[in-house]
mmCIF file of all heavy atoms, coordinates in Angstrom:
data_MODEL
# 
_entry.id   MODEL 
# 
loop_
_atom_site.group_PDB 
_atom_site.id 
_atom_site.type_symbol 
_atom_site.label_atom_id 
_atom_site.label_alt_id 
_atom_site.label_comp_id 
_atom_site.label_asym_id 
_atom_site.label_entity_id 
_atom_site.label_seq_id 
_atom_site.pdbx_PDB_ins_code 
_atom_site.Cartn_x 
_atom_site.Cartn_y 
_atom_site.Cartn_z 
_atom_site.occupancy 
_atom_site.B_iso_or_equiv 
_atom_site.pdbx_formal_charge 
_atom_site.auth_seq_id 
_atom_site.auth_comp_id 
_atom_site.auth_asym_id 
_atom_site.auth_atom_id 
_atom_site.pdbx_PDB_model_num 
ATOM 1   N N   . ASN A 1 1  ? -16.952 4.001  4.709  1.00 0.00 ? 1  ASN A N   1 
ATOM 2   C CA  . ASN A 1 1  ? -17.335 2.676  4.247  1.00 0.00 ? 1  ASN A CA  1 
ATOM 3   C C   . ASN A 1 1  ? -16.268 2.197  3.280  1.00 0.00 ? 1  ASN A C   1 
ATOM 4   O O   . ASN A 1 1  ? -16.113 2.755  2.185  1.00 0.00 ? 1  ASN A O   1 
ATOM 5   C CB  . ASN A 1 1  ? -18.730 2.739  3.576  1.00 0.00 ? 1  ASN A CB  1 
ATOM 6   C CG  . ASN A 1 1  ? -19.223 1.336  3.200  1.00 0.00 ? 1  ASN A CG  1 
ATOM 7   O OD1 . ASN A 1 1  ? -18.601 0.348  3.500  1.00 0.00 ? 1  ASN A OD1 1 
ATOM 8   N ND2 . ASN A 1 1  ? -20.329 1.319  2.483  1.00 0.00 ? 1  ASN A ND2 1 
ATOM 9   N N   . TYR A 1 2  ? -15.491 1.199  3.682  1.00 0.00 ? 2  TYR A N   1 
ATOM 10  C CA  . TYR A 1 2  ? -14.389 0.726  2.880  1.00 0.00 ? 2  TYR A CA  1 
ATOM 11  C C   . TYR A 1 2  ? -14.839 -0.353 1.932  1.00 0.00 ? 2  TYR A C   1 
ATOM 12  O O   . TYR A 1 2  ? -15.669 -1.205 2.246  1.00 0.00 ? 2  TYR A O   1 
ATOM 13  C CB  . TYR A 1 2  ? -13.266 0.210  3.797  1.00 0.00 ? 2  TYR A CB  1 
ATOM 14  C CG  . TYR A 1 2  ? -12.628 1.333  4.593  1.00 0.00 ? 2  TYR A CG  1 
ATOM 15  C CD1 . TYR A 1 2  ? -13.148 1.657  5.836  1.00 0.00 ? 2  TYR A CD1 1 
ATOM 16  C CD2 . TYR A 1 2  ? -11.569 2.061  4.112  1.00 0.00 ? 2  TYR A CD2 1 
ATOM 17  C CE1 . TYR A 1 2  ? -12.611 2.688  6.585  1.00 0.00 ? 2  TYR A CE1 1 
ATOM 18  C CE2 . TYR A 1 2  ? -11.008 3.096  4.850  1.00 0.00 ? 2  TYR A CE2 1 
ATOM 19  C CZ  . TYR A 1 2  ? -11.547 3.387  6.104  1.00 0.00 ? 2  TYR A CZ  1 
ATOM 20  O OH  . TYR A 1 2  ? -10.987 4.418  6.820  1.00 0.00 ? 2  TYR A OH  1 
ATOM 21  N N   . THR A 1 3  ? -14.280 -0.348 0.715  1.00 0.00 ? 3  THR A N   1 
ATOM 22  C CA  . THR A 1 3  ? -14.651 -1.297 -0.321 1.00 0.00 ? 3  THR A CA  1 
ATOM 23  C C   . THR A 1 3  ? -13.724 -2.537 -0.246 1.00 0.00 ? 3  THR A C   1 
ATOM 24  O O   . THR A 1 3  ? -12.693 -2.505 0.437  1.00 0.00 ? 3  THR A O   1 
ATOM 25  C CB  . THR A 1 3  ? -14.482 -0.650 -1.706 1.00 0.00 ? 3  THR A CB  1 
ATOM 26  O OG1 . THR A 1 3  ? -13.098 -0.395 -1.947 1.00 0.00 ? 3  THR A OG1 1 
ATOM 27  C CG2 . THR A 1 3  ? -15.306 0.607  -1.840 1.00 0.00 ? 3  THR A CG2 1 
ATOM 28  N N   . GLU A 1 4  ? -14.090 -3.556 -0.942 1.00 0.00 ? 4  GLU A N   1 
ATOM 29  C CA  . GLU A 1 4  ? -13.286 -4.772 -1.035 1.00 0.00 ? 4  GLU A CA  1 
ATOM 30  C C   . GLU A 1 4  ? -11.930 -4.452 -1.665 1.00 0.00 ? 4  GLU A C   1 
ATOM 31  O O   . GLU A 1 4  ? -10.933 -5.072 -1.347 1.00 0.00 ? 4  GLU A O   1 
ATOM 32  C CB  . GLU A 1 4  ? -14.010 -5.856 -1.798 1.00 0.00 ? 4  GLU A CB  1 
ATOM 33  C CG  . GLU A 1 4  ? -15.204 -6.433 -1.087 1.00 0.00 ? 4  GLU A CG  1 
ATOM 34  C CD  . GLU A 1 4  ? -14.847 -7.187 0.189  1.00 0.00 ? 4  GLU A CD  1 
ATOM 35  O OE1 . GLU A 1 4  ? -13.835 -7.905 0.204  1.00 0.00 ? 4  GLU A OE1 1 
ATOM 36  O OE2 . GLU A 1 4  ? -15.606 -7.060 1.176  1.00 0.00 ? 4  GLU A OE2 1 
ATOM 37  N N   . GLU A 1 5  ? -11.921 -3.469 -2.583 1.00 0.00 ? 5  GLU A N   1 
ATOM 38  C CA  . GLU A 1 5  ? -10.666 -3.083 -3.229 1.00 0.00 ? 5  GLU A CA  1 
ATOM 39  C C   . GLU A 1 5  ? -9.634  -2.588 -2.201 1.00 0.00 ? 5  GLU A C   1 
ATOM 40  O O   . GLU A 1 5  ? -8.439  -2.670 -2.457 1.00 0.00 ? 5  GLU A O   1 
ATOM 41  C CB  . GLU A 1 5  ? -10.932 -1.945 -4.230 1.00 0.00 ? 5  GLU A CB  1 
ATOM 42  C CG  . GLU A 1 5  ? -10.935 -2.383 -5.679 1.00 0.00 ? 5  GLU A CG  1 
ATOM 43  C CD  . GLU A 1 5  ? -11.052 -1.178 -6.593 1.00 0.00 ? 5  GLU A CD  1 
ATOM 44  O OE1 . GLU A 1 5  ? -12.179 -0.765 -6.864 1.00 0.00 ? 5  GLU A OE1 1 
ATOM 45  O OE2 . GLU A 1 5  ? -9.984  -0.656 -7.016 1.00 0.00 ? 5  GLU A OE2 1 
ATOM 46  N N   . ALA A 1 6  ? -10.145 -2.048 -1.091 1.00 0.00 ? 6  ALA A N   1 
ATOM 47  C CA  . ALA A 1 6  ? -9.230  -1.530 -0.054 1.00 0.00 ? 6  ALA A CA  1 
ATOM 48  C C   . ALA A 1 6  ? -8.343  -2.639 0.519  1.00 0.00 ? 6  ALA A C   1 
ATOM 49  O O   . ALA A 1 6  ? -7.189  -2.406 0.865  1.00 0.00 ? 6  ALA A O   1 
ATOM 50  C CB  . ALA A 1 6  ? -10.020 -0.845 1.048  1.00 0.00 ? 6  ALA A CB  1 
ATOM 51  N N   . ILE A 1 7  ? -8.888  -3.852 0.624  1.00 0.00 ? 7  ILE A N   1 
ATOM 52  C CA  . ILE A 1 7  ? -8.098  -4.983 1.159  1.00 0.00 ? 7  ILE A CA  1 
ATOM 53  C C   . ILE A 1 7  ? -6.883  -5.246 0.255  1.00 0.00 ? 7  ILE A C   1 
ATOM 54  O O   . ILE A 1 7  ? -5.752  -5.370 0.744  1.00 0.00 ? 7  ILE A O   1 
ATOM 55  C CB  . ILE A 1 7  ? -8.974  -6.240 1.268  1.00 0.00 ? 7  ILE A CB  1 
ATOM 56  C CG1 . ILE A 1 7  ? -10.127 -5.997 2.251  1.00 0.00 ? 7  ILE A CG1 1 
ATOM 57  C CG2 . ILE A 1 7  ? -8.130  -7.440 1.748  1.00 0.00 ? 7  ILE A CG2 1 
ATOM 58  C CD1 . ILE A 1 7  ? -11.218 -7.069 2.200  1.00 0.00 ? 7  ILE A CD1 1 
ATOM 59  N N   . GLU A 1 8  ? -7.146  -5.306 -1.038 1.00 0.00 ? 8  GLU A N   1 
ATOM 60  C CA  . GLU A 1 8  ? -6.037  -5.535 -2.004 1.00 0.00 ? 8  GLU A CA  1 
ATOM 61  C C   . GLU A 1 8  ? -5.034  -4.383 -1.939 1.00 0.00 ? 8  GLU A C   1 
ATOM 62  O O   . GLU A 1 8  ? -3.811  -4.599 -1.948 1.00 0.00 ? 8  GLU A O   1 
ATOM 63  C CB  . GLU A 1 8  ? -6.593  -5.668 -3.406 1.00 0.00 ? 8  GLU A CB  1 
ATOM 64  C CG  . GLU A 1 8  ? -5.557  -5.927 -4.442 1.00 0.00 ? 8  GLU A CG  1 
ATOM 65  C CD  . GLU A 1 8  ? -6.124  -5.983 -5.865 1.00 0.00 ? 8  GLU A CD  1 
ATOM 66  O OE1 . GLU A 1 8  ? -7.313  -6.340 -6.008 1.00 0.00 ? 8  GLU A OE1 1 
ATOM 67  O OE2 . GLU A 1 8  ? -5.392  -5.626 -6.798 1.00 0.00 ? 8  GLU A OE2 1 
ATOM 68  N N   . ARG A 1 9  ? -5.527  -3.175 -1.885 1.00 0.00 ? 9  ARG A N   1 
ATOM 69  C CA  . ARG A 1 9  ? -4.668  -1.998 -1.850 1.00 0.00 ? 9  ARG A CA  1 
ATOM 70  C C   . ARG A 1 9  ? -3.774  -2.014 -0.624 1.00 0.00 ? 9  ARG A C   1 
ATOM 71  O O   . ARG A 1 9  ? -2.575  -1.763 -0.691 1.00 0.00 ? 9  ARG A O   1 
ATOM 72  C CB  . ARG A 1 9  ? -5.508  -0.740 -1.888 1.00 0.00 ? 9  ARG A CB  1 
ATOM 73  C CG  . ARG A 1 9  ? -4.788  0.566  -1.899 1.00 0.00 ? 9  ARG A CG  1 
ATOM 74  C CD  . ARG A 1 9  ? -4.183  0.840  -3.245 1.00 0.00 ? 9  ARG A CD  1 
ATOM 75  N NE  . ARG A 1 9  ? -3.986  2.253  -3.493 1.00 0.00 ? 9  ARG A NE  1 
ATOM 76  C CZ  . ARG A 1 9  ? -3.949  2.810  -4.682 1.00 0.00 ? 9  ARG A CZ  1 
ATOM 77  N NH1 . ARG A 1 9  ? -4.082  2.050  -5.767 1.00 0.00 ? 9  ARG A NH1 1 
ATOM 78  N NH2 . ARG A 1 9  ? -3.731  4.078  -4.803 1.00 0.00 ? 9  ARG A NH2 1 
ATOM 79  N N   . LEU A 1 10 ? -4.341  -2.328 0.524  1.00 0.00 ? 10 LEU A N   1 
ATOM 80  C CA  . LEU A 1 10 ? -3.563  -2.382 1.764  1.00 0.00 ? 10 LEU A CA  1 
ATOM 81  C C   . LEU A 1 10 ? -2.532  -3.504 1.730  1.00 0.00 ? 10 LEU A C   1 
ATOM 82  O O   . LEU A 1 10 ? -1.417  -3.355 2.240  1.00 0.00 ? 10 LEU A O   1 
ATOM 83  C CB  . LEU A 1 10 ? -4.492  -2.517 2.981  1.00 0.00 ? 10 LEU A CB  1 
ATOM 84  C CG  . LEU A 1 10 ? -5.331  -1.291 3.259  1.00 0.00 ? 10 LEU A CG  1 
ATOM 85  C CD1 . LEU A 1 10 ? -6.372  -1.592 4.339  1.00 0.00 ? 10 LEU A CD1 1 
ATOM 86  C CD2 . LEU A 1 10 ? -4.476  -0.100 3.663  1.00 0.00 ? 10 LEU A CD2 1 
ATOM 87  N N   . GLY A 1 11 ? -2.876  -4.615 1.107  1.00 0.00 ? 11 GLY A N   1 
ATOM 88  C CA  . GLY A 1 11 ? -1.911  -5.710 0.951  1.00 0.00 ? 11 GLY A CA  1 
ATOM 89  C C   . GLY A 1 11 ? -0.715  -5.248 0.100  1.00 0.00 ? 11 GLY A C   1 
ATOM 90  O O   . GLY A 1 11 ? 0.439   -5.549 0.420  1.00 0.00 ? 11 GLY A O   1 
ATOM 91  N N   . PHE A 1 12 ? -1.005  -4.516 -0.944 1.00 0.00 ? 12 PHE A N   1 
ATOM 92  C CA  . PHE A 1 12 ? 0.049   -3.970 -1.815 1.00 0.00 ? 12 PHE A CA  1 
ATOM 93  C C   . PHE A 1 12 ? 0.901   -3.008 -1.015 1.00 0.00 ? 12 PHE A C   1 
ATOM 94  O O   . PHE A 1 12 ? 2.144   -3.062 -1.099 1.00 0.00 ? 12 PHE A O   1 
ATOM 95  C CB  . PHE A 1 12 ? -0.640  -3.264 -2.996 1.00 0.00 ? 12 PHE A CB  1 
ATOM 96  C CG  . PHE A 1 12 ? 0.288   -2.814 -4.083 1.00 0.00 ? 12 PHE A CG  1 
ATOM 97  C CD1 . PHE A 1 12 ? 0.674   -3.673 -5.080 1.00 0.00 ? 12 PHE A CD1 1 
ATOM 98  C CD2 . PHE A 1 12 ? 0.777   -1.499 -4.089 1.00 0.00 ? 12 PHE A CD2 1 
ATOM 99  C CE1 . PHE A 1 12 ? 1.528   -3.244 -6.107 1.00 0.00 ? 12 PHE A CE1 1 
ATOM 100 C CE2 . PHE A 1 12 ? 1.626   -1.076 -5.091 1.00 0.00 ? 12 PHE A CE2 1 
ATOM 101 C CZ  . PHE A 1 12 ? 2.009   -1.952 -6.107 1.00 0.00 ? 12 PHE A CZ  1 
ATOM 102 N N   . ILE A 1 13 ? 0.276   -2.138 -0.243 1.00 0.00 ? 13 ILE A N   1 
ATOM 103 C CA  . ILE A 1 13 ? 1.010   -1.158 0.585  1.00 0.00 ? 13 ILE A CA  1 
ATOM 104 C C   . ILE A 1 13 ? 1.921   -1.892 1.573  1.00 0.00 ? 13 ILE A C   1 
ATOM 105 O O   . ILE A 1 13 ? 3.104   -1.542 1.735  1.00 0.00 ? 13 ILE A O   1 
ATOM 106 C CB  . ILE A 1 13 ? 0.033   -0.209 1.300  1.00 0.00 ? 13 ILE A CB  1 
ATOM 107 C CG1 . ILE A 1 13 ? -0.637  0.727  0.270  1.00 0.00 ? 13 ILE A CG1 1 
ATOM 108 C CG2 . ILE A 1 13 ? 0.746   0.591  2.397  1.00 0.00 ? 13 ILE A CG2 1 
ATOM 109 C CD1 . ILE A 1 13 ? -1.814  1.499  0.832  1.00 0.00 ? 13 ILE A CD1 1 
ATOM 110 N N   . LYS A 1 14 ? 1.403   -2.923 2.236  1.00 0.00 ? 14 LYS A N   1 
ATOM 111 C CA  . LYS A 1 14 ? 2.180   -3.672 3.215  1.00 0.00 ? 14 LYS A CA  1 
ATOM 112 C C   . LYS A 1 14 ? 3.424   -4.302 2.578  1.00 0.00 ? 14 LYS A C   1 
ATOM 113 O O   . LYS A 1 14 ? 4.524   -4.245 3.127  1.00 0.00 ? 14 LYS A O   1 
ATOM 114 C CB  . LYS A 1 14 ? 1.327   -4.781 3.861  1.00 0.00 ? 14 LYS A CB  1 
ATOM 115 C CG  . LYS A 1 14 ? 0.420   -4.273 4.950  1.00 0.00 ? 14 LYS A CG  1 
ATOM 116 C CD  . LYS A 1 14 ? -0.532  -5.333 5.449  1.00 0.00 ? 14 LYS A CD  1 
ATOM 117 C CE  . LYS A 1 14 ? 0.127   -6.526 6.081  1.00 0.00 ? 14 LYS A CE  1 
ATOM 118 N NZ  . LYS A 1 14 ? -0.852  -7.413 6.721  1.00 0.00 ? 14 LYS A NZ  1 
ATOM 119 N N   . LYS A 1 15 ? 3.259   -4.851 1.391  1.00 0.00 ? 15 LYS A N   1 
ATOM 120 C CA  . LYS A 1 15 ? 4.399   -5.449 0.692  1.00 0.00 ? 15 LYS A CA  1 
ATOM 121 C C   . LYS A 1 15 ? 5.476   -4.424 0.402  1.00 0.00 ? 15 LYS A C   1 
ATOM 122 O O   . LYS A 1 15 ? 6.631   -4.659 0.627  1.00 0.00 ? 15 LYS A O   1 
ATOM 123 C CB  . LYS A 1 15 ? 3.955   -6.100 -0.632 1.00 0.00 ? 15 LYS A CB  1 
ATOM 124 C CG  . LYS A 1 15 ? 3.227   -7.387 -0.475 1.00 0.00 ? 15 LYS A CG  1 
ATOM 125 C CD  . LYS A 1 15 ? 2.798   -7.932 -1.803 1.00 0.00 ? 15 LYS A CD  1 
ATOM 126 C CE  . LYS A 1 15 ? 1.878   -9.137 -1.600 1.00 0.00 ? 15 LYS A CE  1 
ATOM 127 N NZ  . LYS A 1 15 ? 1.313   -9.623 -2.866 1.00 0.00 ? 15 LYS A NZ  1 
ATOM 128 N N   . PHE A 1 16 ? 5.061   -3.276 -0.079 1.00 0.00 ? 16 PHE A N   1 
ATOM 129 C CA  . PHE A 1 16 ? 6.037   -2.254 -0.450 1.00 0.00 ? 16 PHE A CA  1 
ATOM 130 C C   . PHE A 1 16 ? 6.644   -1.612 0.796  1.00 0.00 ? 16 PHE A C   1 
ATOM 131 O O   . PHE A 1 16 ? 7.819   -1.229 0.760  1.00 0.00 ? 16 PHE A O   1 
ATOM 132 C CB  . PHE A 1 16 ? 5.428   -1.211 -1.404 1.00 0.00 ? 16 PHE A CB  1 
ATOM 133 C CG  . PHE A 1 16 ? 5.505   -1.709 -2.827 1.00 0.00 ? 16 PHE A CG  1 
ATOM 134 C CD1 . PHE A 1 16 ? 4.618   -2.637 -3.320 1.00 0.00 ? 16 PHE A CD1 1 
ATOM 135 C CD2 . PHE A 1 16 ? 6.485   -1.220 -3.669 1.00 0.00 ? 16 PHE A CD2 1 
ATOM 136 C CE1 . PHE A 1 16 ? 4.699   -3.093 -4.622 1.00 0.00 ? 16 PHE A CE1 1 
ATOM 137 C CE2 . PHE A 1 16 ? 6.574   -1.657 -4.983 1.00 0.00 ? 16 PHE A CE2 1 
ATOM 138 C CZ  . PHE A 1 16 ? 5.676   -2.607 -5.468 1.00 0.00 ? 16 PHE A CZ  1 
ATOM 139 N N   . GLN A 1 17 ? 5.920   -1.510 1.847  1.00 0.00 ? 17 GLN A N   1 
ATOM 140 C CA  . GLN A 1 17 ? 6.509   -1.003 3.099  1.00 0.00 ? 17 GLN A CA  1 
ATOM 141 C C   . GLN A 1 17 ? 7.524   -2.028 3.637  1.00 0.00 ? 17 GLN A C   1 
ATOM 142 O O   . GLN A 1 17 ? 8.539   -1.668 4.204  1.00 0.00 ? 17 GLN A O   1 
ATOM 143 C CB  . GLN A 1 17 ? 5.464   -0.684 4.130  1.00 0.00 ? 17 GLN A CB  1 
ATOM 144 C CG  . GLN A 1 17 ? 4.789   0.645  3.863  1.00 0.00 ? 17 GLN A CG  1 
ATOM 145 C CD  . GLN A 1 17 ? 4.506   1.404  5.127  1.00 0.00 ? 17 GLN A CD  1 
ATOM 146 O OE1 . GLN A 1 17 ? 3.796   0.931  5.960  1.00 0.00 ? 17 GLN A OE1 1 
ATOM 147 N NE2 . GLN A 1 17 ? 5.085   2.576  5.239  1.00 0.00 ? 17 GLN A NE2 1 
ATOM 148 N N   . GLY A 1 18 ? 7.231   -3.288 3.389  1.00 0.00 ? 18 GLY A N   1 
ATOM 149 C CA  . GLY A 1 18 ? 8.135   -4.358 3.820  1.00 0.00 ? 18 GLY A CA  1 
ATOM 150 C C   . GLY A 1 18 ? 9.484   -4.314 3.153  1.00 0.00 ? 18 GLY A C   1 
ATOM 151 O O   . GLY A 1 18 ? 10.478  -4.776 3.706  1.00 0.00 ? 18 GLY A O   1 
ATOM 152 N N   . ILE A 1 19 ? 9.563   -3.729 1.965  1.00 0.00 ? 19 ILE A N   1 
ATOM 153 C CA  . ILE A 1 19 ? 10.846  -3.606 1.319  1.00 0.00 ? 19 ILE A CA  1 
ATOM 154 C C   . ILE A 1 19 ? 11.490  -2.231 1.554  1.00 0.00 ? 19 ILE A C   1 
ATOM 155 O O   . ILE A 1 19 ? 12.468  -1.866 0.952  1.00 0.00 ? 19 ILE A O   1 
ATOM 156 C CB  . ILE A 1 19 ? 10.788  -3.880 -0.220 1.00 0.00 ? 19 ILE A CB  1 
ATOM 157 C CG1 . ILE A 1 19 ? 9.867   -2.898 -0.954 1.00 0.00 ? 19 ILE A CG1 1 
ATOM 158 C CG2 . ILE A 1 19 ? 10.365  -5.298 -0.511 1.00 0.00 ? 19 ILE A CG2 1 
ATOM 159 C CD1 . ILE A 1 19 ? 9.985   -2.928 -2.455 1.00 0.00 ? 19 ILE A CD1 1 
ATOM 160 N N   . GLY A 1 20 ? 10.854  -1.482 2.439  1.00 0.00 ? 20 GLY A N   1 
ATOM 161 C CA  . GLY A 1 20 ? 11.457  -0.230 2.881  1.00 0.00 ? 20 GLY A CA  1 
ATOM 162 C C   . GLY A 1 20 ? 11.016  1.024  2.143  1.00 0.00 ? 20 GLY A C   1 
ATOM 163 O O   . GLY A 1 20 ? 11.715  2.044  2.165  1.00 0.00 ? 20 GLY A O   1 
ATOM 164 N N   . CYS A 1 21 ? 9.849   0.986  1.515  1.00 0.00 ? 21 CYS A N   1 
ATOM 165 C CA  . CYS A 1 21 ? 9.383   2.186  0.815  1.00 0.00 ? 21 CYS A CA  1 
ATOM 166 C C   . CYS A 1 21 ? 8.839   3.207  1.817  1.00 0.00 ? 21 CYS A C   1 
ATOM 167 O O   . CYS A 1 21 ? 8.130   2.864  2.756  1.00 0.00 ? 21 CYS A O   1 
ATOM 168 C CB  . CYS A 1 21 ? 8.242   1.814  -0.131 1.00 0.00 ? 21 CYS A CB  1 
ATOM 169 S SG  . CYS A 1 21 ? 8.768   1.018  -1.635 1.00 0.00 ? 21 CYS A SG  1 
ATOM 170 N N   . SER A 1 22 ? 9.202   4.429  1.593  1.00 0.00 ? 22 SER A N   1 
ATOM 171 C CA  . SER A 1 22 ? 8.677   5.536  2.404  1.00 0.00 ? 22 SER A CA  1 
ATOM 172 C C   . SER A 1 22 ? 7.247   5.848  1.919  1.00 0.00 ? 22 SER A C   1 
ATOM 173 O O   . SER A 1 22 ? 6.825   5.363  0.878  1.00 0.00 ? 22 SER A O   1 
ATOM 174 C CB  . SER A 1 22 ? 9.556   6.773  2.207  1.00 0.00 ? 22 SER A CB  1 
ATOM 175 O OG  . SER A 1 22 ? 9.432   7.258  0.870  1.00 0.00 ? 22 SER A OG  1 
ATOM 176 N N   . ILE A 1 23 ? 6.572   6.681  2.664  1.00 0.00 ? 23 ILE A N   1 
ATOM 177 C CA  . ILE A 1 23 ? 5.207   7.081  2.261  1.00 0.00 ? 23 ILE A CA  1 
ATOM 178 C C   . ILE A 1 23 ? 5.259   7.803  0.899  1.00 0.00 ? 23 ILE A C   1 
ATOM 179 O O   . ILE A 1 23 ? 4.446   7.583  0.043  1.00 0.00 ? 23 ILE A O   1 
ATOM 180 C CB  . ILE A 1 23 ? 4.538   7.971  3.344  1.00 0.00 ? 23 ILE A CB  1 
ATOM 181 C CG1 . ILE A 1 23 ? 4.304   7.152  4.629  1.00 0.00 ? 23 ILE A CG1 1 
ATOM 182 C CG2 . ILE A 1 23 ? 3.243   8.576  2.841  1.00 0.00 ? 23 ILE A CG2 1 
ATOM 183 C CD1 . ILE A 1 23 ? 3.327   6.016  4.488  1.00 0.00 ? 23 ILE A CD1 1 
ATOM 184 N N   . ALA A 1 24 ? 6.260   8.646  0.720  1.00 0.00 ? 24 ALA A N   1 
ATOM 185 C CA  . ALA A 1 24 ? 6.407   9.365  -0.540 1.00 0.00 ? 24 ALA A CA  1 
ATOM 186 C C   . ALA A 1 24 ? 6.622   8.391  -1.693 1.00 0.00 ? 24 ALA A C   1 
ATOM 187 O O   . ALA A 1 24 ? 6.025   8.535  -2.754 1.00 0.00 ? 24 ALA A O   1 
ATOM 188 C CB  . ALA A 1 24 ? 7.564   10.363 -0.465 1.00 0.00 ? 24 ALA A CB  1 
ATOM 189 N N   . GLU A 1 25 ? 7.458   7.383  -1.472 1.00 0.00 ? 25 GLU A N   1 
ATOM 190 C CA  . GLU A 1 25 ? 7.683   6.388  -2.526 1.00 0.00 ? 25 GLU A CA  1 
ATOM 191 C C   . GLU A 1 25 ? 6.390   5.581  -2.785 1.00 0.00 ? 25 GLU A C   1 
ATOM 192 O O   . GLU A 1 25 ? 6.088   5.285  -3.926 1.00 0.00 ? 25 GLU A O   1 
ATOM 193 C CB  . GLU A 1 25 ? 8.799   5.416  -2.118 1.00 0.00 ? 25 GLU A CB  1 
ATOM 194 C CG  . GLU A 1 25 ? 10.176  5.988  -2.242 1.00 0.00 ? 25 GLU A CG  1 
ATOM 195 C CD  . GLU A 1 25 ? 11.224  5.004  -1.812 1.00 0.00 ? 25 GLU A CD  1 
ATOM 196 O OE1 . GLU A 1 25 ? 11.132  4.480  -0.673 1.00 0.00 ? 25 GLU A OE1 1 
ATOM 197 O OE2 . GLU A 1 25 ? 12.162  4.760  -2.583 1.00 0.00 ? 25 GLU A OE2 1 
ATOM 198 N N   . LEU A 1 26 ? 5.701   5.277  -1.717 1.00 0.00 ? 26 LEU A N   1 
ATOM 199 C CA  . LEU A 1 26 ? 4.433   4.539  -1.874 1.00 0.00 ? 26 LEU A CA  1 
ATOM 200 C C   . LEU A 1 26 ? 3.442   5.326  -2.722 1.00 0.00 ? 26 LEU A C   1 
ATOM 201 O O   . LEU A 1 26 ? 2.786   4.769  -3.613 1.00 0.00 ? 26 LEU A O   1 
ATOM 202 C CB  . LEU A 1 26 ? 3.810   4.234  -0.505 1.00 0.00 ? 26 LEU A CB  1 
ATOM 203 C CG  . LEU A 1 26 ? 4.236   2.952  0.148  1.00 0.00 ? 26 LEU A CG  1 
ATOM 204 C CD1 . LEU A 1 26 ? 3.827   2.914  1.623  1.00 0.00 ? 26 LEU A CD1 1 
ATOM 205 C CD2 . LEU A 1 26 ? 3.693   1.748  -0.584 1.00 0.00 ? 26 LEU A CD2 1 
ATOM 206 N N   . ARG A 1 27 ? 3.362   6.639  -2.446 1.00 0.00 ? 27 ARG A N   1 
ATOM 207 C CA  . ARG A 1 27 ? 2.448   7.475  -3.234 1.00 0.00 ? 27 ARG A CA  1 
ATOM 208 C C   . ARG A 1 27 ? 2.831   7.377  -4.723 1.00 0.00 ? 27 ARG A C   1 
ATOM 209 O O   . ARG A 1 27 ? 1.969   7.236  -5.588 1.00 0.00 ? 27 ARG A O   1 
ATOM 210 C CB  . ARG A 1 27 ? 2.564   8.923  -2.800 1.00 0.00 ? 27 ARG A CB  1 
ATOM 211 C CG  . ARG A 1 27 ? 1.509   9.343  -1.834 1.00 0.00 ? 27 ARG A CG  1 
ATOM 212 C CD  . ARG A 1 27 ? 1.483   10.841 -1.674 1.00 0.00 ? 27 ARG A CD  1 
ATOM 213 N NE  . ARG A 1 27 ? 1.381   11.126 -0.241 1.00 0.00 ? 27 ARG A NE  1 
ATOM 214 C CZ  . ARG A 1 27 ? 2.368   11.466 0.521  1.00 0.00 ? 27 ARG A CZ  1 
ATOM 215 N NH1 . ARG A 1 27 ? 3.569   11.652 0.069  1.00 0.00 ? 27 ARG A NH1 1 
ATOM 216 N NH2 . ARG A 1 27 ? 2.168   11.647 1.825  1.00 0.00 ? 27 ARG A NH2 1 
ATOM 217 N N   . GLU A 1 28 ? 4.143   7.460  -4.981 1.00 0.00 ? 28 GLU A N   1 
ATOM 218 C CA  . GLU A 1 28 ? 4.624   7.398  -6.350 1.00 0.00 ? 28 GLU A CA  1 
ATOM 219 C C   . GLU A 1 28 ? 4.313   6.045  -7.007 1.00 0.00 ? 28 GLU A C   1 
ATOM 220 O O   . GLU A 1 28 ? 3.815   5.975  -8.125 1.00 0.00 ? 28 GLU A O   1 
ATOM 221 C CB  . GLU A 1 28 ? 6.141   7.618  -6.346 1.00 0.00 ? 28 GLU A CB  1 
ATOM 222 C CG  . GLU A 1 28 ? 6.706   8.206  -7.578 1.00 0.00 ? 28 GLU A CG  1 
ATOM 223 C CD  . GLU A 1 28 ? 8.201   8.518  -7.374 1.00 0.00 ? 28 GLU A CD  1 
ATOM 224 O OE1 . GLU A 1 28 ? 8.543   9.384  -6.546 1.00 0.00 ? 28 GLU A OE1 1 
ATOM 225 O OE2 . GLU A 1 28 ? 9.001   7.867  -8.069 1.00 0.00 ? 28 GLU A OE2 1 
ATOM 226 N N   . VAL A 1 29 ? 4.595   4.970  -6.294 1.00 0.00 ? 29 VAL A N   1 
ATOM 227 C CA  . VAL A 1 29 ? 4.352   3.617  -6.810 1.00 0.00 ? 29 VAL A CA  1 
ATOM 228 C C   . VAL A 1 29 ? 2.868   3.419  -7.070 1.00 0.00 ? 29 VAL A C   1 
ATOM 229 O O   . VAL A 1 29 ? 2.493   2.896  -8.134 1.00 0.00 ? 29 VAL A O   1 
ATOM 230 C CB  . VAL A 1 29 ? 4.905   2.555  -5.825 1.00 0.00 ? 29 VAL A CB  1 
ATOM 231 C CG1 . VAL A 1 29 ? 4.399   1.177  -6.156 1.00 0.00 ? 29 VAL A CG1 1 
ATOM 232 C CG2 . VAL A 1 29 ? 6.435   2.566  -5.815 1.00 0.00 ? 29 VAL A CG2 1 
# 
């Protein structure tokens, strides 16, 4: 059961992946 916070989190992840962040960098960020 995903929360509304998940939408914001995924938007943040998409932005950072868009600038070329790896999964490891995303974890760190």
